[in-house]
Amino acid sequence: MDANTISARLAACGIPADGALAQRLAVYMDLLAEWNKVMDLTAVTDEAETLDRHFADSLMALTVPGLIPASGLLADVGTGAGFPGLPLAMACPDLRVTLIDAQRKRLDFLQAVTEATGTRNVTLVHARAEDAGHDPALRQRFDCVAARAVAPLAVLSEYLLPFAKTGGLALCWKGPALADELEAGRRAARILGGRVEPEIPVSLPGRDWGHLLLPIRKVGPTARAYPRKAGTPSKKPLGSEK
């Protein structure tokens, strides 16, 4: 897809973007399509849907004041093919973004994208969220910690909140299933030093996907016991019992 088409679509979505960003995203999209032929990066192959579902959806957070800091530190936990963290890094050059994923081949792809697009404000970390959350270089250091389509809210809270500094924000990209996850997610967030804030509906023109952004404010430190060892948060989610 060419940069002009990308630029026009972002403008229609109300996403602030210049020509340089559109050019970078065009290169990113081409590499995603190329690498997806030999590895499982996305099930979406239609160009227009790829642009909306992955790139525009990631950048919609920029249309909500106060969610994404213009500068500072952002971590994307379980980044996969780089969403939402890498488009945000491209759009916010003063933001230092750490992309964390457990699969090396995904990080190889992201390295190729950052090199091809000249994106220099990105650090790649090969680790599971449960292990990285205990790394002193990463724990409770970030202004914003993001994740998209990773896990139910109670599990996601345990993945994200250990990375957020007190006063910072965990930001979850969610769909309509959030309603079923919310009560347990609130309980889990409280255990981890967080407070779930009201969800923010975001919509892309012409799409009826019902996407939501859910902020969790970090109001106190996370106890050293969290995150629990790898695999435990998903098997025994915090907050699952009233």
C-alpha atoms as a PDB file:
ATOM      1  CA  MET A   1       0.000   0.000   0.000  1.00  0.00           C
ATOM      2  CA  ASP A   2       1.353   3.435  -0.890  1.00  0.00           C
ATOM      3  CA  ALA A   3       2.073   6.163   1.633  1.00  0.00           C
ATOM      4  CA  ASN A   4      -0.585   8.537   0.247  1.00  0.00           C
ATOM      5  CA  THR A   5      -3.342   5.976   0.836  1.00  0.00           C
ATOM      6  CA  ILE A   6      -2.075   5.360   4.359  1.00  0.00           C
ATOM      7  CA  SER A   7      -1.898   9.089   5.080  1.00  0.00           C
ATOM      8  CA  ALA A   8      -5.452   9.654   3.853  1.00  0.00           C
ATOM      9  CA  ARG A   9      -6.821   6.799   5.951  1.00  0.00           C
ATOM     10  CA  LEU A  10      -5.068   7.971   9.117  1.00  0.00           C
ATOM     11  CA  ALA A  11      -6.421  11.481   8.545  1.00  0.00           C
ATOM     12  CA  ALA A  12      -9.942  10.073   8.149  1.00  0.00           C
ATOM     13  CA  CYS A  13      -9.513   8.331  11.503  1.00  0.00           C
ATOM     14  CA  GLY A  14      -8.397  11.552  13.188  1.00  0.00           C
ATOM     15  CA  ILE A  15      -4.888  10.242  13.782  1.00  0.00           C
ATOM     16  CA  PRO A  16      -2.151  12.889  13.682  1.00  0.00           C
ATOM     17  CA  ALA A  17       0.377  11.872  11.021  1.00  0.00           C
ATOM     18  CA  ASP A  18       2.827  13.418   8.591  1.00  0.00           C
ATOM     19  CA  GLY A  19       4.233  12.134   5.331  1.00  0.00           C
ATOM     20  CA  ALA A  20       7.315  10.676   7.008  1.00  0.00           C
ATOM     21  CA  LEU A  21       5.177   8.508   9.277  1.00  0.00           C
ATOM     22  CA  ALA A  22       3.078   7.289   6.349  1.00  0.00           C
ATOM     23  CA  GLN A  23       6.254   6.342   4.454  1.00  0.00           C
ATOM     24  CA  ARG A  24       7.551   4.347   7.415  1.00  0.00           C
ATOM     25  CA  LEU A  25       4.226   2.575   7.861  1.00  0.00           C
ATOM     26  CA  ALA A  26       4.187   1.682   4.159  1.00  0.00           C
ATOM     27  CA  VAL A  27       7.574  -0.019   4.519  1.00  0.00           C
ATOM     28  CA  TYR A  28       6.359  -1.745   7.704  1.00  0.00           C
ATOM     29  CA  MET A  29       3.245  -3.030   5.915  1.00  0.00           C
ATOM     30  CA  ASP A  30       5.281  -4.378   3.002  1.00  0.00           C
ATOM     31  CA  LEU A  31       7.652  -6.216   5.337  1.00  0.00           C
ATOM     32  CA  LEU A  32       4.740  -7.606   7.347  1.00  0.00           C
ATOM     33  CA  ALA A  33       3.205  -9.063   4.181  1.00  0.00           C
ATOM     34  CA  GLU A  34       6.561 -10.453   3.033  1.00  0.00           C
ATOM     35  CA  TRP A  35       7.543 -12.075   6.336  1.00  0.00           C
ATOM     36  CA  ASN A  36       4.015 -13.345   6.933  1.00  0.00           C
ATOM     37  CA  LYS A  37       4.457 -15.701   3.968  1.00  0.00           C
ATOM     38  CA  VAL A  38       7.002 -17.737   5.919  1.00  0.00           C
ATOM     39  CA  MET A  39       5.992 -17.181   9.557  1.00  0.00           C
ATOM     40  CA  ASP A  40       2.786 -16.651  11.492  1.00  0.00           C
ATOM     41  CA  LEU A  41       2.636 -12.907  12.186  1.00  0.00           C
ATOM     42  CA  THR A  42      -0.997 -12.112  11.347  1.00  0.00           C
ATOM     43  CA  ALA A  43      -4.089 -13.881  10.059  1.00  0.00           C
ATOM     44  CA  VAL A  44      -5.150 -10.700   8.251  1.00  0.00           C
ATOM     45  CA  THR A  45      -3.938 -10.493   4.658  1.00  0.00           C
ATOM     46  CA  ASP A  46      -6.225  -7.890   3.054  1.00  0.00           C
ATOM     47  CA  GLU A  47      -4.301  -4.603   2.801  1.00  0.00           C
ATOM     48  CA  ALA A  48      -7.141  -2.285   3.836  1.00  0.00           C
ATOM     49  CA  GLU A  49      -8.036  -4.471   6.806  1.00  0.00           C
ATOM     50  CA  THR A  50      -4.387  -4.779   7.803  1.00  0.00           C
ATOM     51  CA  LEU A  51      -4.050  -1.005   7.802  1.00  0.00           C
ATOM     52  CA  ASP A  52      -7.138  -0.582   9.986  1.00  0.00           C
ATOM     53  CA  ARG A  53      -6.897  -3.589  12.278  1.00  0.00           C
ATOM     54  CA  HIS A  54      -3.210  -3.317  13.092  1.00  0.00           C
ATOM     55  CA  PHE A  55      -1.809   0.114  12.250  1.00  0.00           C
ATOM     56  CA  ALA A  56      -4.723   2.540  12.662  1.00  0.00           C
ATOM     57  CA  ASP A  57      -6.055   0.650  15.676  1.00  0.00           C
ATOM     58  CA  SER A  58      -2.645   0.913  17.362  1.00  0.00           C
ATOM     59  CA  LEU A  59      -2.452   4.630  16.664  1.00  0.00           C
ATOM     60  CA  MET A  60      -6.007   5.448  17.793  1.00  0.00           C
ATOM     61  CA  ALA A  61      -4.637   5.868  21.318  1.00  0.00           C
ATOM     62  CA  LEU A  62      -3.024   9.102  20.085  1.00  0.00           C
ATOM     63  CA  THR A  63      -6.487  10.597  19.545  1.00  0.00           C
ATOM     64  CA  VAL A  64      -7.204  10.421  23.305  1.00  0.00           C
ATOM     65  CA  PRO A  65      -5.339  13.142  25.245  1.00  0.00           C
ATOM     66  CA  GLY A  66      -3.144  11.919  28.088  1.00  0.00           C
ATOM     67  CA  LEU A  67      -2.948   8.230  27.220  1.00  0.00           C
ATOM     68  CA  ILE A  68       0.363   8.089  25.336  1.00  0.00           C
ATOM     69  CA  PRO A  69       3.140  10.375  26.617  1.00  0.00           C
ATOM     70  CA  ALA A  70       4.898  12.410  23.948  1.00  0.00           C
ATOM     71  CA  SER A  71       8.179  11.498  25.603  1.00  0.00           C
ATOM     72  CA  GLY A  72       9.250   9.119  28.345  1.00  0.00           C
ATOM     73  CA  LEU A  73       9.188   5.321  28.438  1.00  0.00           C
ATOM     74  CA  LEU A  74       6.624   2.930  26.955  1.00  0.00           C
ATOM     75  CA  ALA A  75       6.694  -0.880  27.019  1.00  0.00           C
ATOM     76  CA  ASP A  76       4.664  -3.141  24.742  1.00  0.00           C
ATOM     77  CA  VAL A  77       4.298  -6.542  26.420  1.00  0.00           C
ATOM     78  CA  GLY A  78       3.679  -9.513  24.130  1.00  0.00           C
ATOM     79  CA  THR A  79       4.197  -7.276  21.132  1.00  0.00           C
ATOM     80  CA  GLY A  80       3.954 -10.001  18.473  1.00  0.00           C
ATOM     81  CA  ALA A  81       4.301  -8.295  15.095  1.00  0.00           C
ATOM     82  CA  GLY A  82       4.881  -4.977  16.869  1.00  0.00           C
ATOM     83  CA  PHE A  83       1.388  -3.769  17.705  1.00  0.00           C
ATOM     84  CA  PRO A  84       0.726  -1.335  19.246  1.00  0.00           C
ATOM     85  CA  GLY A  85       4.251  -0.376  20.262  1.00  0.00           C
ATOM     86  CA  LEU A  86       6.102  -0.044  16.975  1.00  0.00           C
ATOM     87  CA  PRO A  87       3.581   2.219  15.180  1.00  0.00           C
ATOM     88  CA  LEU A  88       3.514   4.366  18.331  1.00  0.00           C
ATOM     89  CA  ALA A  89       7.319   4.555  18.316  1.00  0.00           C
ATOM     90  CA  MET A  90       7.242   5.699  14.699  1.00  0.00           C
ATOM     91  CA  ALA A  91       4.601   8.326  15.452  1.00  0.00           C
ATOM     92  CA  CYS A  92       6.302   9.607  18.637  1.00  0.00           C
ATOM     93  CA  PRO A  93      10.060   9.923  18.019  1.00  0.00           C
ATOM     94  CA  ASP A  94      10.702  11.346  21.509  1.00  0.00           C
ATOM     95  CA  LEU A  95       9.091   8.306  23.143  1.00  0.00           C
ATOM     96  CA  ARG A  96      11.467   5.475  24.050  1.00  0.00           C
ATOM     97  CA  VAL A  97       9.691   2.191  23.350  1.00  0.00           C
ATOM     98  CA  THR A  98      10.597  -1.287  24.580  1.00  0.00           C
ATOM     99  CA  LEU A  99       9.055  -4.206  22.683  1.00  0.00           C
ATOM    100  CA  ILE A 100       8.914  -7.438  24.704  1.00  0.00           C
ATOM    101  CA  ASP A 101       8.137 -10.842  23.229  1.00  0.00           C
ATOM    102  CA  ALA A 102       8.869 -14.469  24.057  1.00  0.00           C
ATOM    103  CA  GLN A 103       9.494 -15.542  20.440  1.00  0.00           C
ATOM    104  CA  ARG A 104      12.860 -14.725  18.923  1.00  0.00           C
ATOM    105  CA  LYS A 105      11.607 -14.947  15.331  1.00  0.00           C
ATOM    106  CA  ARG A 106       9.143 -12.129  15.982  1.00  0.00           C
ATOM    107  CA  LEU A 107      11.944  -9.963  17.327  1.00  0.00           C
ATOM    108  CA  ASP A 108      14.002 -10.769  14.229  1.00  0.00           C
ATOM    109  CA  PHE A 109      11.121  -9.398  12.159  1.00  0.00           C
ATOM    110  CA  LEU A 110      10.860  -6.282  14.308  1.00  0.00           C
ATOM    111  CA  GLN A 111      14.617  -5.725  14.032  1.00  0.00           C
ATOM    112  CA  ALA A 112      14.278  -5.841  10.255  1.00  0.00           C
ATOM    113  CA  VAL A 113      11.458  -3.282  10.370  1.00  0.00           C
ATOM    114  CA  THR A 114      13.304  -0.860  12.643  1.00  0.00           C
ATOM    115  CA  GLU A 115      16.387  -1.035  10.428  1.00  0.00           C
ATOM    116  CA  ALA A 116      14.438  -0.603   7.186  1.00  0.00           C
ATOM    117  CA  THR A 117      12.490   2.373   8.537  1.00  0.00           C
ATOM    118  CA  GLY A 118      15.295   4.033  10.499  1.00  0.00           C
ATOM    119  CA  THR A 119      13.313   3.783  13.741  1.00  0.00           C
ATOM    120  CA  ARG A 120      15.909   4.325  16.473  1.00  0.00           C
ATOM    121  CA  ASN A 121      13.796   4.853  19.596  1.00  0.00           C
ATOM    122  CA  VAL A 122      13.060   1.134  20.047  1.00  0.00           C
ATOM    123  CA  THR A 123      14.645  -1.543  22.260  1.00  0.00           C
ATOM    124  CA  LEU A 124      13.836  -5.229  21.726  1.00  0.00           C
ATOM    125  CA  VAL A 125      13.664  -7.637  24.676  1.00  0.00           C
ATOM    126  CA  HIS A 126      13.424 -11.411  24.256  1.00  0.00           C
ATOM    127  CA  ALA A 127      11.625 -12.674  27.369  1.00  0.00           C
ATOM    128  CA  ARG A 128       8.342 -13.886  28.763  1.00  0.00           C
ATOM    129  CA  ALA A 129       6.387 -11.177  30.538  1.00  0.00           C
ATOM    130  CA  GLU A 130       6.566 -13.042  33.857  1.00  0.00           C
ATOM    131  CA  ASP A 131      10.375 -13.110  33.716  1.00  0.00           C
ATOM    132  CA  ALA A 132      10.887  -9.607  32.339  1.00  0.00           C
ATOM    133  CA  GLY A 133       8.619  -8.211  35.070  1.00  0.00           C
ATOM    134  CA  HIS A 134      11.270  -9.121  37.656  1.00  0.00           C
ATOM    135  CA  ASP A 135      14.177  -7.602  35.723  1.00  0.00           C
ATOM    136  CA  PRO A 136      15.381  -4.554  37.727  1.00  0.00           C
ATOM    137  CA  ALA A 137      16.056  -2.719  34.451  1.00  0.00           C
ATOM    138  CA  LEU A 138      12.391  -3.058  33.471  1.00  0.00           C
ATOM    139  CA  ARG A 139      10.380  -3.409  36.665  1.00  0.00           C
ATOM    140  CA  GLN A 140       8.306  -0.375  37.697  1.00  0.00           C
ATOM    141  CA  ARG A 141      10.181   1.861  35.220  1.00  0.00           C
ATOM    142  CA  PHE A 142       7.647   2.744  32.518  1.00  0.00           C
ATOM    143  CA  ASP A 143       5.291   5.680  32.126  1.00  0.00           C
ATOM    144  CA  CYS A 144       2.977   3.565  29.980  1.00  0.00           C
ATOM    145  CA  VAL A 145       2.742  -0.198  29.491  1.00  0.00           C
ATOM    146  CA  ALA A 146       0.613  -1.379  26.567  1.00  0.00           C
ATOM    147  CA  ALA A 147      -0.773  -4.661  25.296  1.00  0.00           C
ATOM    148  CA  ARG A 148      -3.136  -5.597  22.530  1.00  0.00           C
ATOM    149  CA  ALA A 149      -5.082  -8.874  22.214  1.00  0.00           C
ATOM    150  CA  VAL A 150      -2.854 -10.727  24.676  1.00  0.00           C
ATOM    151  CA  ALA A 151      -4.984 -12.196  27.509  1.00  0.00           C
ATOM    152  CA  PRO A 152      -8.079 -11.703  29.692  1.00  0.00           C
ATOM    153  CA  LEU A 153      -7.923  -8.593  31.853  1.00  0.00           C
ATOM    154  CA  ALA A 154      -7.036 -10.311  35.146  1.00  0.00           C
ATOM    155  CA  VAL A 155      -4.105 -12.082  33.487  1.00  0.00           C
ATOM    156  CA  LEU A 156      -3.131  -8.989  31.544  1.00  0.00           C
ATOM    157  CA  SER A 157      -2.998  -6.935  34.733  1.00  0.00           C
ATOM    158  CA  GLU A 158      -0.385  -9.281  36.173  1.00  0.00           C
ATOM    159  CA  TYR A 159       1.626  -9.102  32.959  1.00  0.00           C
ATOM    160  CA  LEU A 160       1.553  -5.300  32.704  1.00  0.00           C
ATOM    161  CA  LEU A 161       1.392  -3.615  36.091  1.00  0.00           C
ATOM    162  CA  PRO A 162       4.789  -4.814  37.366  1.00  0.00           C
ATOM    163  CA  PHE A 163       6.397  -2.768  34.564  1.00  0.00           C
ATOM    164  CA  ALA A 164       4.524   0.477  35.306  1.00  0.00           C
ATOM    165  CA  LYS A 165       5.964   3.037  37.689  1.00  0.00           C
ATOM    166  CA  THR A 166       3.716   4.454  40.383  1.00  0.00           C
ATOM    167  CA  GLY A 167       1.614   7.135  38.735  1.00  0.00           C
ATOM    168  CA  GLY A 168       2.051   5.474  35.352  1.00  0.00           C
ATOM    169  CA  LEU A 169      -0.500   3.702  33.230  1.00  0.00           C
ATOM    170  CA  ALA A 170      -1.181   0.245  31.865  1.00  0.00           C
ATOM    171  CA  LEU A 171      -3.207   0.509  28.659  1.00  0.00           C
ATOM    172  CA  CYS A 172      -5.150  -2.461  27.300  1.00  0.00           C
ATOM    173  CA  TRP A 173      -6.658  -2.760  23.824  1.00  0.00           C
ATOM    174  CA  LYS A 174      -9.916  -4.676  24.292  1.00  0.00           C
ATOM    175  CA  GLY A 175     -13.098  -5.736  22.515  1.00  0.00           C
ATOM    176  CA  PRO A 176     -16.685  -6.422  23.616  1.00  0.00           C
ATOM    177  CA  ALA A 177     -15.543  -9.358  25.788  1.00  0.00           C
ATOM    178  CA  LEU A 178     -14.218  -6.810  28.281  1.00  0.00           C
ATOM    179  CA  ALA A 179     -17.610  -6.723  30.001  1.00  0.00           C
ATOM    180  CA  ASP A 180     -17.154 -10.349  31.069  1.00  0.00           C
ATOM    181  CA  GLU A 181     -13.575  -9.748  32.256  1.00  0.00           C
ATOM    182  CA  LEU A 182     -14.014  -6.481  34.094  1.00  0.00           C
ATOM    183  CA  GLU A 183     -14.960  -7.576  37.612  1.00  0.00           C
ATOM    184  CA  ALA A 184     -12.100 -10.059  37.965  1.00  0.00           C
ATOM    185  CA  GLY A 185      -9.771  -7.596  36.268  1.00  0.00           C
ATOM    186  CA  ARG A 186     -10.568  -4.897  38.807  1.00  0.00           C
ATOM    187  CA  ARG A 187      -9.819  -7.262  41.683  1.00  0.00           C
ATOM    188  CA  ALA A 188      -6.538  -8.357  40.109  1.00  0.00           C
ATOM    189  CA  ALA A 189      -5.494  -4.759  39.457  1.00  0.00           C
ATOM    190  CA  ARG A 190      -6.069  -3.829  43.107  1.00  0.00           C
ATOM    191  CA  ILE A 191      -3.838  -6.693  44.251  1.00  0.00           C
ATOM    192  CA  LEU A 192      -1.109  -5.459  41.913  1.00  0.00           C
ATOM    193  CA  GLY A 193      -1.242  -1.785  42.893  1.00  0.00           C
ATOM    194  CA  GLY A 194      -3.526  -0.653  40.077  1.00  0.00           C
ATOM    195  CA  ARG A 195      -6.916   0.991  39.663  1.00  0.00           C
ATOM    196  CA  VAL A 196      -9.040   0.304  36.616  1.00  0.00           C
ATOM    197  CA  GLU A 197     -10.320   3.526  35.046  1.00  0.00           C
ATOM    198  CA  PRO A 198     -13.347   3.915  32.733  1.00  0.00           C
ATOM    199  CA  GLU A 199     -13.000   2.294  29.337  1.00  0.00           C
ATOM    200  CA  ILE A 200     -12.692   4.537  26.291  1.00  0.00           C
ATOM    201  CA  PRO A 201     -14.541   3.518  23.103  1.00  0.00           C
ATOM    202  CA  VAL A 202     -12.563   4.055  19.919  1.00  0.00           C
ATOM    203  CA  SER A 203     -13.964   3.552  16.457  1.00  0.00           C
ATOM    204  CA  LEU A 204     -12.583   3.521  12.948  1.00  0.00           C
ATOM    205  CA  PRO A 205     -14.792   5.032  10.230  1.00  0.00           C
ATOM    206  CA  GLY A 206     -16.549   2.299   8.283  1.00  0.00           C
ATOM    207  CA  ARG A 207     -15.737  -0.426  10.806  1.00  0.00           C
ATOM    208  CA  ASP A 208     -18.034  -1.865  13.478  1.00  0.00           C
ATOM    209  CA  TRP A 209     -15.386  -3.636  15.530  1.00  0.00           C
ATOM    210  CA  GLY A 210     -16.335  -2.137  18.905  1.00  0.00           C
ATOM    211  CA  HIS A 211     -12.812  -1.603  20.169  1.00  0.00           C
ATOM    212  CA  LEU A 212     -12.065  -0.175  23.613  1.00  0.00           C
ATOM    213  CA  LEU A 213      -9.040   1.254  25.347  1.00  0.00           C
ATOM    214  CA  LEU A 214      -8.921   0.407  29.048  1.00  0.00           C
ATOM    215  CA  PRO A 215      -6.518   2.401  31.243  1.00  0.00           C
ATOM    216  CA  ILE A 216      -5.294   0.984  34.557  1.00  0.00           C
ATOM    217  CA  ARG A 217      -3.633   3.607  36.726  1.00  0.00           C
ATOM    218  CA  LYS A 218      -0.680   2.447  38.839  1.00  0.00           C
ATOM    219  CA  VAL A 219      -1.505   3.885  42.263  1.00  0.00           C
ATOM    220  CA  GLY A 220       0.978   1.932  44.383  1.00  0.00           C
ATOM    221  CA  PRO A 221       3.932  -0.451  44.086  1.00  0.00           C
ATOM    222  CA  THR A 222       3.490  -4.041  42.958  1.00  0.00           C
ATOM    223  CA  ALA A 223       4.422  -6.625  45.592  1.00  0.00           C
ATOM    224  CA  ARG A 224       7.633  -8.540  44.882  1.00  0.00           C
ATOM    225  CA  ALA A 225       5.707 -11.811  44.534  1.00  0.00           C
ATOM    226  CA  TYR A 226       4.209 -10.592  41.234  1.00  0.00           C
ATOM    227  CA  PRO A 227       4.306 -11.522  38.469  1.00  0.00           C
ATOM    228  CA  ARG A 228       4.237 -15.164  39.492  1.00  0.00           C
ATOM    229  CA  LYS A 229       6.350 -17.732  37.670  1.00  0.00           C
ATOM    230  CA  ALA A 230       5.826 -18.277  33.955  1.00  0.00           C
ATOM    231  CA  GLY A 231       2.505 -19.880  33.140  1.00  0.00           C
ATOM    232  CA  THR A 232       0.901 -19.306  36.539  1.00  0.00           C
ATOM    233  CA  PRO A 233      -0.986 -16.069  35.766  1.00  0.00           C
ATOM    234  CA  SER A 234      -2.901 -17.708  32.909  1.00  0.00           C
ATOM    235  CA  LYS A 235      -3.565 -20.937  34.837  1.00  0.00           C
ATOM    236  CA  LYS A 236      -4.563 -19.292  38.116  1.00  0.00           C
ATOM    237  CA  PRO A 237      -5.678 -15.706  37.345  1.00  0.00           C
ATOM    238  CA  LEU A 238      -5.665 -13.232  40.201  1.00  0.00           C
ATOM    239  CA  GLY A 239      -9.106 -11.934  41.120  1.00  0.00           C
ATOM    240  CA  SER A 240     -10.933 -15.002  39.833  1.00  0.00           C
ATOM    241  CA  GLU A 241     -12.409 -15.626  43.282  1.00  0.00           C
ATOM    242  CA  LYS A 242     -14.646 -13.017  44.899  1.00  0.00           C
END
